[in-house]
């Protein structure tokens, strides 16, 4: 087997391993997304009262606390935007008005 034949064989093996690696990573991402969707559905069932289990209470409380924190942060940011003073016109803007 010549050098080029060996190089082609090795390149093919590398391509196969790379493809397998990408497929593994994609499977891990898909699994993470599936867990995320399951968690959201579970939380919705807990909040609606359709599901109750002591093992989920702590996790649900954490999600509620994080939701509250994000809502507060968004409200604070909106207040800051509303309370921000109008910027002073620049010299160039004043000259353009004249």
Protein backbone atom coordinates (compact mmCIF):
# COMPACT_ATOMS: atom_id res chain seq x y z
CA UNK A 1 0.00 0.00 0.00
CA UNK A 2 1.43 3.34 -1.05
CA UNK A 3 1.71 6.48 0.99
CA UNK A 4 -1.35 8.10 -0.60
CA UNK A 5 -3.45 5.00 0.02
CA UNK A 6 -2.44 5.03 3.69
CA UNK A 7 -3.18 8.75 3.93
CA UNK A 8 -6.64 8.23 2.40
CA UNK A 9 -7.35 5.38 4.82
CA UNK A 10 -6.29 7.48 7.81
CA UNK A 11 -8.29 10.48 6.55
CA UNK A 12 -11.36 8.25 6.21
CA UNK A 13 -10.91 6.94 9.74
CA UNK A 14 -10.53 10.49 11.09
CA UNK A 15 -13.66 11.58 9.26
CA UNK A 16 -15.61 8.63 10.68
CA UNK A 17 -14.43 9.33 14.23
CA UNK A 18 -15.22 13.02 13.84
CA UNK A 19 -18.73 12.24 12.58
CA UNK A 20 -19.29 9.87 15.52
CA UNK A 21 -18.06 12.56 17.91
CA UNK A 22 -20.44 15.13 16.43
CA UNK A 23 -23.31 12.65 16.67
CA UNK A 24 -22.46 12.00 20.33
CA UNK A 25 -22.41 15.73 21.09
CA UNK A 26 -25.74 16.21 19.30
CA UNK A 27 -27.26 13.32 21.26
CA UNK A 28 -26.07 14.92 24.53
CA UNK A 29 -27.58 18.28 23.50
CA UNK A 30 -30.84 16.58 22.57
CA UNK A 31 -30.90 14.78 25.93
CA UNK A 32 -30.32 18.06 27.76
CA UNK A 33 -33.15 19.69 25.80
CA UNK A 34 -35.45 16.76 26.57
CA UNK A 35 -34.69 17.09 30.30
CA UNK A 36 -35.32 20.84 30.07
CA UNK A 37 -38.71 20.29 28.41
CA UNK A 38 -39.59 17.62 30.99
CA UNK A 39 -38.66 20.01 33.78
CA UNK A 40 -40.82 22.78 32.34
CA UNK A 41 -43.78 20.44 31.93
CA UNK A 42 -43.30 19.12 35.46
CA UNK A 43 -43.16 22.64 36.89
CA UNK A 44 -46.35 23.58 35.05
CA UNK A 45 -48.07 20.49 36.49
CA UNK A 46 -46.87 21.39 39.99
CA UNK A 47 -48.09 24.96 39.64
CA UNK A 48 -51.49 23.82 38.36
CA UNK A 49 -51.84 21.40 41.28
CA UNK A 50 -51.99 18.35 39.02
CA UNK A 51 -48.71 17.00 40.42
CA UNK A 52 -47.51 16.95 44.00
CA UNK A 53 -44.47 15.17 45.33
CA UNK A 54 -42.23 16.17 48.23
CA UNK A 55 -39.14 15.36 46.18
CA UNK A 56 -40.06 18.14 43.76
CA UNK A 57 -40.90 20.85 46.32
CA UNK A 58 -37.37 22.18 46.75
CA UNK A 59 -36.77 22.33 42.99
CA UNK A 60 -40.09 24.04 42.34
CA UNK A 61 -39.35 26.60 45.07
CA UNK A 62 -36.01 27.37 43.44
CA UNK A 63 -37.69 27.92 40.06
CA UNK A 64 -40.27 30.23 41.68
CA UNK A 65 -37.54 32.22 43.42
CA UNK A 66 -35.59 32.61 40.19
CA UNK A 67 -38.73 33.72 38.33
CA UNK A 68 -39.42 36.32 41.01
CA UNK A 69 -35.83 37.56 40.87
CA UNK A 70 -35.94 37.93 37.10
CA UNK A 71 -39.27 39.75 37.24
CA UNK A 72 -37.90 42.12 39.87
CA UNK A 73 -34.74 42.75 37.84
CA UNK A 74 -36.83 43.49 34.75
CA UNK A 75 -39.09 45.85 36.70
CA UNK A 76 -36.06 47.63 38.17
CA UNK A 77 -34.52 47.98 34.71
CA UNK A 78 -37.78 49.44 33.38
CA UNK A 79 -37.91 51.93 36.26
CA UNK A 80 -34.30 52.92 35.65
CA UNK A 81 -35.06 53.52 31.98
CA UNK A 82 -38.12 55.63 32.80
CA UNK A 83 -36.30 57.61 35.50
CA UNK A 84 -33.23 58.30 33.39
CA UNK A 85 -32.92 62.00 32.53
CA UNK A 86 -32.97 63.06 28.92
CA UNK A 87 -29.45 63.55 27.62
CA UNK A 88 -28.33 67.12 27.11
CA UNK A 89 -28.24 68.13 23.46
CA UNK A 90 -24.76 68.26 22.05
CA UNK A 91 -23.17 71.38 20.65
CA UNK A 92 -23.50 69.96 17.14
CA UNK A 93 -27.25 69.42 17.66
CA UNK A 94 -27.68 73.00 18.92
CA UNK A 95 -25.77 74.37 15.94
CA UNK A 96 -27.86 72.29 13.52
CA UNK A 97 -31.03 73.77 14.97
CA UNK A 98 -29.84 77.33 14.33
